[in-house]
Amino acid sequence: MPDQLLNLLKIFLLLLLYLFFLRVMRAVWAEVNPPKALEAPARAKHGRQPRRGGARRGGGAPVLRVLAPPEVKGRSFPLAEEITLGRAAGCQVTIDDTYASQLHARVFQRDGTVYVEDLGSTNGTYLNRKKVTGPMVLQRGDKLQIGNTVLELGQ
């Protein structure tokens, strides 16, 4: 009986090892091959129209301002047609945060409305503490969180 139990434990350990290996490979694959970026929806869900020019109402071009962490607080990034956020050097907004993916999220404008979209990141992107699951409207004063980094849309 002890030999049979030992064999079962060996098989169980081998199975767990394979499952762990597959999980690691899946995470690496997600980092290396981010999903294709989707176009912004023409209309907001539930029949509501997004505010036109919501981020531009003050007259100036919208900017993303860093609120946290304290060592980079106050940095501003002007919002062009589209900017990407992440750890990669090719991103317009480089985030030095271990919880950020290489290509984490993008912020873009369509018809005067500003949107944010998660690009398949491992830890997710949060808009006002709600997880971003698709293109979501970003308005002035909204807080965007990527890992420990918090940004605010302003003028």
N, C-alpha and C. Protein backbone atom coordinates (compact mmCIF):
# COMPACT_ATOMS: atom_id res chain seq x y z
N MET A 1 0.80 -1.21 0.00
CA MET A 1 0.00 0.00 0.00
C MET A 1 0.84 1.28 0.00
N PRO A 2 1.91 1.38 0.77
CA PRO A 2 2.71 2.60 0.75
C PRO A 2 3.34 2.88 -0.61
N ASP A 3 3.71 1.83 -1.36
CA ASP A 3 4.28 2.05 -2.69
C ASP A 3 3.24 2.63 -3.64
N GLN A 4 2.00 2.18 -3.54
CA GLN A 4 0.94 2.72 -4.39
C GLN A 4 0.66 4.18 -4.04
N LEU A 5 0.64 4.49 -2.78
CA LEU A 5 0.43 5.87 -2.34
C LEU A 5 1.56 6.76 -2.81
N LEU A 6 2.77 6.27 -2.72
CA LEU A 6 3.93 7.04 -3.18
C LEU A 6 3.85 7.31 -4.69
N ASN A 7 3.45 6.33 -5.45
CA ASN A 7 3.28 6.50 -6.90
C ASN A 7 2.18 7.52 -7.22
N LEU A 8 1.08 7.46 -6.47
CA LEU A 8 0.01 8.44 -6.67
C LEU A 8 0.50 9.86 -6.36
N LEU A 9 1.27 10.00 -5.30
CA LEU A 9 1.81 11.31 -4.94
C LEU A 9 2.78 11.82 -6.00
N LYS A 10 3.57 10.93 -6.57
CA LYS A 10 4.48 11.31 -7.65
C LYS A 10 3.71 11.82 -8.86
N ILE A 11 2.65 11.12 -9.23
CA ILE A 11 1.82 11.53 -10.38
C ILE A 11 1.15 12.87 -10.10
N PHE A 12 0.65 13.03 -8.89
CA PHE A 12 0.01 14.30 -8.52
C PHE A 12 1.00 15.45 -8.57
N LEU A 13 2.21 15.24 -8.08
CA LEU A 13 3.24 16.26 -8.11
C LEU A 13 3.62 16.60 -9.55
N LEU A 14 3.73 15.60 -10.40
CA LEU A 14 4.04 15.82 -11.80
C LEU A 14 2.93 16.62 -12.49
N LEU A 15 1.70 16.30 -12.19
CA LEU A 15 0.56 17.04 -12.74
C LEU A 15 0.59 18.51 -12.31
N LEU A 16 0.85 18.75 -11.03
CA LEU A 16 0.95 20.13 -10.54
C LEU A 16 2.09 20.88 -11.21
N LEU A 17 3.19 20.21 -11.45
CA LEU A 17 4.32 20.83 -12.12
C LEU A 17 3.96 21.23 -13.55
N TYR A 18 3.26 20.36 -14.26
CA TYR A 18 2.83 20.69 -15.62
C TYR A 18 1.83 21.84 -15.63
N LEU A 19 0.90 21.86 -14.70
CA LEU A 19 -0.06 22.97 -14.62
C LEU A 19 0.65 24.29 -14.35
N PHE A 20 1.63 24.28 -13.47
CA PHE A 20 2.40 25.48 -13.19
C PHE A 20 3.14 25.95 -14.44
N PHE A 21 3.76 25.04 -15.14
CA PHE A 21 4.48 25.36 -16.37
C PHE A 21 3.54 25.97 -17.41
N LEU A 22 2.36 25.40 -17.59
CA LEU A 22 1.40 25.94 -18.55
C LEU A 22 0.94 27.35 -18.16
N ARG A 23 0.76 27.57 -16.88
CA ARG A 23 0.34 28.90 -16.39
C ARG A 23 1.44 29.96 -16.67
N VAL A 24 2.68 29.58 -16.45
CA VAL A 24 3.79 30.50 -16.72
C VAL A 24 3.87 30.79 -18.22
N MET A 25 3.73 29.77 -19.04
CA MET A 25 3.77 29.96 -20.50
C MET A 25 2.62 30.87 -20.96
N ARG A 26 1.46 30.72 -20.38
CA ARG A 26 0.31 31.57 -20.74
C ARG A 26 0.58 33.03 -20.38
N ALA A 27 1.16 33.27 -19.22
CA ALA A 27 1.47 34.65 -18.80
C ALA A 27 2.53 35.26 -19.72
N VAL A 28 3.53 34.49 -20.08
CA VAL A 28 4.57 34.99 -20.98
C VAL A 28 3.98 35.28 -22.35
N TRP A 29 3.12 34.41 -22.84
CA TRP A 29 2.48 34.61 -24.14
C TRP A 29 1.64 35.89 -24.14
N ALA A 30 0.93 36.15 -23.06
CA ALA A 30 0.10 37.36 -22.96
C ALA A 30 0.96 38.62 -22.96
N GLU A 31 2.14 38.57 -22.36
CA GLU A 31 3.03 39.72 -22.34
C GLU A 31 3.66 39.96 -23.71
N VAL A 32 4.02 38.90 -24.40
CA VAL A 32 4.72 39.02 -25.67
C VAL A 32 3.76 39.38 -26.80
N ASN A 33 2.56 38.86 -26.79
CA ASN A 33 1.58 39.09 -27.85
C ASN A 33 0.34 39.79 -27.30
N PRO A 34 0.37 41.12 -27.12
CA PRO A 34 -0.82 41.81 -26.61
C PRO A 34 -1.93 41.76 -27.65
N PRO A 35 -3.20 41.82 -27.20
CA PRO A 35 -4.31 41.78 -28.16
C PRO A 35 -4.33 43.03 -29.02
N LYS A 36 -4.94 42.91 -30.19
CA LYS A 36 -5.06 44.04 -31.10
C LYS A 36 -5.95 45.11 -30.46
N ALA A 37 -5.60 46.37 -30.68
CA ALA A 37 -6.38 47.48 -30.15
C ALA A 37 -7.67 47.60 -30.94
N LEU A 38 -8.76 47.80 -30.24
CA LEU A 38 -10.06 47.96 -30.87
C LEU A 38 -10.36 49.43 -31.10
N GLU A 39 -11.17 49.72 -32.09
CA GLU A 39 -11.61 51.09 -32.31
C GLU A 39 -12.63 51.46 -31.24
N ALA A 40 -12.72 52.73 -30.95
CA ALA A 40 -13.67 53.21 -29.96
C ALA A 40 -15.09 53.04 -30.50
N PRO A 41 -16.05 52.78 -29.61
CA PRO A 41 -17.42 52.65 -30.08
C PRO A 41 -17.94 53.99 -30.56
N ALA A 42 -18.83 53.96 -31.56
CA ALA A 42 -19.38 55.19 -32.10
C ALA A 42 -20.31 55.86 -31.07
N ARG A 43 -21.00 55.06 -30.30
CA ARG A 43 -21.90 55.57 -29.26
C ARG A 43 -21.64 54.83 -27.96
N ALA A 44 -21.93 55.47 -26.87
CA ALA A 44 -21.77 54.81 -25.58
C ALA A 44 -22.89 53.79 -25.40
N LYS A 45 -22.66 52.81 -24.53
CA LYS A 45 -23.66 51.78 -24.29
C LYS A 45 -24.86 52.38 -23.58
N HIS A 46 -25.96 51.65 -23.61
CA HIS A 46 -27.21 52.01 -22.95
C HIS A 46 -27.84 53.26 -23.54
N GLY A 47 -27.50 53.59 -24.80
CA GLY A 47 -28.16 54.69 -25.47
C GLY A 47 -27.70 56.07 -25.04
N ARG A 48 -26.81 56.16 -24.09
CA ARG A 48 -26.34 57.48 -23.66
C ARG A 48 -25.28 57.98 -24.60
N GLN A 49 -25.33 59.24 -24.93
CA GLN A 49 -24.30 59.86 -25.75
C GLN A 49 -23.20 60.37 -24.83
N PRO A 50 -21.93 60.11 -25.16
CA PRO A 50 -20.86 60.70 -24.35
C PRO A 50 -20.85 62.21 -24.55
N ARG A 51 -20.42 62.92 -23.50
CA ARG A 51 -20.33 64.37 -23.62
C ARG A 51 -19.34 64.73 -24.69
N ARG A 52 -19.76 65.54 -25.63
CA ARG A 52 -18.84 65.99 -26.67
C ARG A 52 -17.92 67.03 -26.08
N GLY A 53 -16.63 66.83 -26.32
CA GLY A 53 -15.65 67.81 -25.85
C GLY A 53 -15.54 67.86 -24.35
N GLY A 54 -15.93 66.78 -23.66
CA GLY A 54 -15.91 66.78 -22.21
C GLY A 54 -14.54 67.09 -21.64
N ALA A 55 -13.49 66.61 -22.29
CA ALA A 55 -12.15 66.85 -21.77
C ALA A 55 -11.61 68.19 -22.25
N ARG A 56 -12.27 68.84 -23.20
CA ARG A 56 -11.77 70.09 -23.77
C ARG A 56 -12.52 71.32 -23.27
N ARG A 57 -13.44 71.17 -22.37
CA ARG A 57 -14.30 72.28 -22.01
C ARG A 57 -13.56 73.49 -21.48
N GLY A 58 -12.40 73.32 -20.92
CA GLY A 58 -11.67 74.46 -20.39
C GLY A 58 -10.92 75.22 -21.46
N GLY A 59 -10.97 74.78 -22.72
CA GLY A 59 -10.31 75.50 -23.79
C GLY A 59 -8.93 74.97 -24.12
N GLY A 60 -8.25 74.34 -23.18
CA GLY A 60 -6.92 73.82 -23.44
C GLY A 60 -6.96 72.36 -23.85
N ALA A 61 -5.84 71.91 -24.39
CA ALA A 61 -5.75 70.50 -24.76
C ALA A 61 -5.66 69.66 -23.50
N PRO A 62 -6.27 68.47 -23.50
CA PRO A 62 -6.23 67.63 -22.30
C PRO A 62 -4.82 67.08 -22.04
N VAL A 63 -4.51 66.89 -20.77
CA VAL A 63 -3.23 66.33 -20.36
C VAL A 63 -3.47 65.27 -19.29
N LEU A 64 -2.57 64.31 -19.22
CA LEU A 64 -2.57 63.33 -18.14
C LEU A 64 -1.54 63.76 -17.12
N ARG A 65 -1.96 63.97 -15.86
CA ARG A 65 -1.06 64.38 -14.78
C ARG A 65 -0.87 63.23 -13.81
N VAL A 66 0.36 62.99 -13.41
CA VAL A 66 0.65 61.92 -12.46
C VAL A 66 0.37 62.42 -11.05
N LEU A 67 -0.45 61.66 -10.30
CA LEU A 67 -0.77 62.00 -8.91
C LEU A 67 0.02 61.15 -7.92
N ALA A 68 0.35 59.93 -8.31
CA ALA A 68 1.11 59.01 -7.45
C ALA A 68 1.92 58.10 -8.34
N PRO A 69 3.02 57.64 -7.93
CA PRO A 69 3.73 57.76 -6.65
C PRO A 69 4.37 59.14 -6.48
N PRO A 70 4.73 59.49 -5.24
CA PRO A 70 5.25 60.83 -4.96
C PRO A 70 6.50 61.22 -5.74
N GLU A 71 7.36 60.26 -6.07
CA GLU A 71 8.61 60.63 -6.75
C GLU A 71 8.40 61.13 -8.17
N VAL A 72 7.25 60.86 -8.79
CA VAL A 72 6.98 61.37 -10.14
C VAL A 72 5.71 62.23 -10.18
N LYS A 73 5.20 62.59 -9.01
CA LYS A 73 3.98 63.40 -8.92
C LYS A 73 4.20 64.74 -9.62
N GLY A 74 3.20 65.15 -10.38
CA GLY A 74 3.25 66.44 -11.05
C GLY A 74 3.67 66.37 -12.51
N ARG A 75 4.24 65.26 -12.95
CA ARG A 75 4.60 65.14 -14.37
C ARG A 75 3.34 65.17 -15.20
N SER A 76 3.41 65.83 -16.34
CA SER A 76 2.25 65.94 -17.23
C SER A 76 2.61 65.43 -18.62
N PHE A 77 1.62 64.82 -19.25
CA PHE A 77 1.79 64.30 -20.61
C PHE A 77 0.65 64.83 -21.47
N PRO A 78 0.94 65.68 -22.46
CA PRO A 78 -0.13 66.19 -23.32
C PRO A 78 -0.75 65.04 -24.11
N LEU A 79 -2.05 65.10 -24.26
CA LEU A 79 -2.78 64.04 -24.93
C LEU A 79 -2.88 64.35 -26.42
N ALA A 80 -2.22 63.55 -27.22
CA ALA A 80 -2.32 63.67 -28.68
C ALA A 80 -3.51 62.82 -29.12
N GLU A 81 -3.57 62.45 -30.38
CA GLU A 81 -4.66 61.58 -30.85
C GLU A 81 -4.67 60.27 -30.09
N GLU A 82 -3.50 59.73 -29.81
CA GLU A 82 -3.40 58.46 -29.08
C GLU A 82 -2.06 58.39 -28.38
N ILE A 83 -2.07 57.98 -27.11
CA ILE A 83 -0.84 57.73 -26.39
C ILE A 83 -0.95 56.36 -25.72
N THR A 84 0.20 55.69 -25.61
CA THR A 84 0.23 54.39 -24.95
C THR A 84 0.95 54.52 -23.62
N LEU A 85 0.54 53.70 -22.67
CA LEU A 85 1.12 53.70 -21.34
C LEU A 85 1.64 52.30 -21.03
N GLY A 86 2.83 52.21 -20.44
CA GLY A 86 3.39 50.92 -20.08
C GLY A 86 4.85 51.05 -19.73
N ARG A 87 5.48 49.90 -19.50
CA ARG A 87 6.90 49.87 -19.12
C ARG A 87 7.84 49.93 -20.31
N ALA A 88 7.36 49.61 -21.51
CA ALA A 88 8.21 49.55 -22.70
C ALA A 88 8.74 50.94 -23.05
N ALA A 89 9.93 50.98 -23.60
CA ALA A 89 10.55 52.25 -23.97
C ALA A 89 9.80 52.93 -25.11
N GLY A 90 9.05 52.18 -25.91
CA GLY A 90 8.31 52.74 -27.04
C GLY A 90 7.01 53.42 -26.64
N CYS A 91 6.61 53.32 -25.40
CA CYS A 91 5.37 53.96 -24.94
C CYS A 91 5.59 55.46 -24.76
N GLN A 92 4.58 56.26 -25.08
CA GLN A 92 4.68 57.70 -24.88
C GLN A 92 4.73 58.05 -23.40
N VAL A 93 4.04 57.28 -22.57
CA VAL A 93 4.08 57.46 -21.12
C VAL A 93 4.70 56.20 -20.54
N THR A 94 5.97 56.31 -20.14
CA THR A 94 6.66 55.16 -19.57
C THR A 94 6.41 55.11 -18.08
N ILE A 95 5.91 53.98 -17.61
CA ILE A 95 5.56 53.81 -16.20
C ILE A 95 6.54 52.83 -15.58
N ASP A 96 7.30 53.30 -14.58
CA ASP A 96 8.26 52.46 -13.89
C ASP A 96 7.56 51.82 -12.69
N ASP A 97 6.79 50.77 -12.98
CA ASP A 97 5.98 50.11 -11.96
C ASP A 97 5.97 48.62 -12.29
N THR A 98 6.31 47.79 -11.31
CA THR A 98 6.37 46.36 -11.58
C THR A 98 5.00 45.77 -11.89
N TYR A 99 3.92 46.44 -11.53
CA TYR A 99 2.57 45.95 -11.82
C TYR A 99 2.08 46.38 -13.20
N ALA A 100 2.85 47.17 -13.91
CA ALA A 100 2.47 47.60 -15.26
C ALA A 100 3.04 46.64 -16.28
N SER A 101 2.27 46.35 -17.32
CA SER A 101 2.74 45.50 -18.41
C SER A 101 3.59 46.34 -19.36
N GLN A 102 4.29 45.66 -20.27
CA GLN A 102 5.11 46.37 -21.25
C GLN A 102 4.26 47.36 -22.04
N LEU A 103 3.15 46.90 -22.58
CA LEU A 103 2.19 47.73 -23.30
C LEU A 103 0.87 47.57 -22.56
N HIS A 104 0.59 48.48 -21.63
CA HIS A 104 -0.48 48.29 -20.65
C HIS A 104 -1.83 48.84 -21.12
N ALA A 105 -1.86 50.10 -21.52
CA ALA A 105 -3.14 50.74 -21.86
C ALA A 105 -2.90 51.83 -22.90
N ARG A 106 -3.99 52.31 -23.47
CA ARG A 106 -3.89 53.45 -24.38
C ARG A 106 -5.00 54.43 -24.07
N VAL A 107 -4.71 55.70 -24.30
CA VAL A 107 -5.68 56.78 -24.16
C VAL A 107 -5.75 57.45 -25.51
N PHE A 108 -6.96 57.60 -26.04
CA PHE A 108 -7.11 58.15 -27.38
C PHE A 108 -8.35 59.02 -27.46
N GLN A 109 -8.39 59.85 -28.51
CA GLN A 109 -9.52 60.76 -28.74
C GLN A 109 -10.23 60.37 -30.02
N ARG A 110 -11.55 60.43 -30.00
CA ARG A 110 -12.38 60.27 -31.18
C ARG A 110 -13.51 61.29 -31.09
N ASP A 111 -13.62 62.13 -32.10
CA ASP A 111 -14.69 63.14 -32.16
C ASP A 111 -14.76 63.99 -30.90
N GLY A 112 -13.60 64.36 -30.37
CA GLY A 112 -13.56 65.25 -29.20
C GLY A 112 -13.80 64.55 -27.87
N THR A 113 -14.01 63.25 -27.88
CA THR A 113 -14.21 62.49 -26.65
C THR A 113 -12.96 61.68 -26.38
N VAL A 114 -12.54 61.66 -25.11
CA VAL A 114 -11.34 60.94 -24.72
C VAL A 114 -11.74 59.57 -24.18
N TYR A 115 -11.04 58.52 -24.64
CA TYR A 115 -11.30 57.15 -24.21
C TYR A 115 -10.04 56.56 -23.60
N VAL A 116 -10.22 55.55 -22.75
CA VAL A 116 -9.12 54.75 -22.23
C VAL A 116 -9.46 53.29 -22.51
N GLU A 117 -8.42 52.51 -22.85
CA GLU A 117 -8.62 51.10 -23.15
C GLU A 117 -7.45 50.29 -22.61
N ASP A 118 -7.75 49.20 -21.92
CA ASP A 118 -6.72 48.28 -21.46
C ASP A 118 -6.28 47.42 -22.63
N LEU A 119 -4.98 47.18 -22.76
CA LEU A 119 -4.45 46.42 -23.89
C LEU A 119 -4.07 44.99 -23.48
N GLY A 120 -4.90 44.37 -22.68
CA GLY A 120 -4.65 42.99 -22.28
C GLY A 120 -3.60 42.86 -21.20
N SER A 121 -3.52 43.82 -20.32
CA SER A 121 -2.51 43.79 -19.27
C SER A 121 -2.80 42.67 -18.27
N THR A 122 -1.75 42.27 -17.57
CA THR A 122 -1.88 41.20 -16.59
C THR A 122 -2.67 41.65 -15.36
N ASN A 123 -2.38 42.85 -14.86
CA ASN A 123 -2.99 43.31 -13.61
C ASN A 123 -4.16 44.26 -13.80
N GLY A 124 -4.48 44.63 -15.03
CA GLY A 124 -5.65 45.46 -15.29
C GLY A 124 -5.39 46.95 -15.16
N THR A 125 -6.33 47.71 -15.74
CA THR A 125 -6.33 49.16 -15.69
C THR A 125 -7.63 49.57 -15.01
N TYR A 126 -7.57 50.59 -14.16
CA TYR A 126 -8.76 50.99 -13.40
C TYR A 126 -9.07 52.46 -13.66
N LEU A 127 -10.33 52.73 -13.95
CA LEU A 127 -10.83 54.10 -14.14
C LEU A 127 -11.78 54.39 -13.00
N ASN A 128 -11.40 55.32 -12.13
CA ASN A 128 -12.18 55.65 -10.94
C ASN A 128 -12.51 54.39 -10.14
N ARG A 129 -11.51 53.54 -9.96
CA ARG A 129 -11.58 52.29 -9.19
C ARG A 129 -12.46 51.21 -9.81
N LYS A 130 -12.84 51.37 -11.07
CA LYS A 130 -13.60 50.34 -11.79
C LYS A 130 -12.70 49.79 -12.89
N LYS A 131 -12.68 48.48 -13.02
CA LYS A 131 -11.80 47.85 -14.00
C LYS A 131 -12.23 48.20 -15.42
N VAL A 132 -11.27 48.57 -16.25
CA VAL A 132 -11.52 48.90 -17.65
C VAL A 132 -11.60 47.59 -18.43
N THR A 133 -12.77 47.33 -19.04
CA THR A 133 -12.96 46.08 -19.78
C THR A 133 -13.04 46.31 -21.28
N GLY A 134 -13.18 47.52 -21.70
CA GLY A 134 -13.23 47.89 -23.12
C GLY A 134 -12.99 49.38 -23.19
N PRO A 135 -13.14 49.99 -24.35
CA PRO A 135 -12.98 51.44 -24.41
C PRO A 135 -14.00 52.14 -23.50
N MET A 136 -13.51 52.98 -22.59
CA MET A 136 -14.38 53.70 -21.67
C MET A 136 -14.09 55.19 -21.77
N VAL A 137 -15.15 55.99 -21.65
CA VAL A 137 -15.02 57.45 -21.74
C VAL A 137 -14.26 57.96 -20.52
N LEU A 138 -13.27 58.81 -20.79
CA LEU A 138 -12.44 59.42 -19.75
C LEU A 138 -12.74 60.91 -19.75
N GLN A 139 -13.21 61.43 -18.62
CA GLN A 139 -13.57 62.84 -18.52
C GLN A 139 -12.62 63.56 -17.58
N ARG A 140 -12.62 64.89 -17.68
CA ARG A 140 -11.74 65.71 -16.85
C ARG A 140 -11.98 65.40 -15.37
N GLY A 141 -10.88 65.18 -14.64
CA GLY A 141 -10.96 64.87 -13.22
C GLY A 141 -10.99 63.38 -12.92
N ASP A 142 -11.19 62.53 -13.94
CA ASP A 142 -11.21 61.09 -13.73
C ASP A 142 -9.81 60.61 -13.36
N LYS A 143 -9.75 59.58 -12.51
CA LYS A 143 -8.48 59.00 -12.07
C LYS A 143 -8.27 57.67 -12.79
N LEU A 144 -7.10 57.52 -13.38
CA LEU A 144 -6.69 56.32 -14.10
C LEU A 144 -5.57 55.67 -13.31
N GLN A 145 -5.75 54.38 -12.93
CA GLN A 145 -4.75 53.70 -12.11
C GLN A 145 -4.19 52.50 -12.85
N ILE A 146 -2.86 52.47 -12.92
CA ILE A 146 -2.11 51.36 -13.49
C ILE A 146 -1.11 50.93 -12.43
N GLY A 147 -1.36 49.80 -11.79
CA GLY A 147 -0.52 49.37 -10.67
C GLY A 147 -0.60 50.37 -9.55
N ASN A 148 0.55 50.90 -9.12
CA ASN A 148 0.58 51.91 -8.06
C ASN A 148 0.61 53.33 -8.61
N THR A 149 0.57 53.45 -9.93
CA THR A 149 0.63 54.76 -10.57
C THR A 149 -0.78 55.28 -10.82
N VAL A 150 -1.07 56.50 -10.38
CA VAL A 150 -2.38 57.11 -10.56
C VAL A 150 -2.20 58.36 -11.41
N LEU A 151 -3.01 58.47 -12.47
CA LEU A 151 -2.97 59.63 -13.35
C LEU A 151 -4.37 60.26 -13.37
N GLU A 152 -4.41 61.56 -13.63
CA GLU A 152 -5.68 62.29 -13.71
C GLU A 152 -5.74 63.03 -15.02
N LEU A 153 -6.92 63.01 -15.64
CA LEU A 153 -7.12 63.78 -16.87
C LEU A 153 -7.48 65.20 -16.49
N GLY A 154 -6.73 66.15 -17.02
CA GLY A 154 -6.99 67.56 -16.74
C GLY A 154 -6.70 68.41 -17.94
N GLN A 155 -6.71 69.72 -17.74
CA GLN A 155 -6.44 70.69 -18.83
C GLN A 155 -5.02 71.13 -18.71
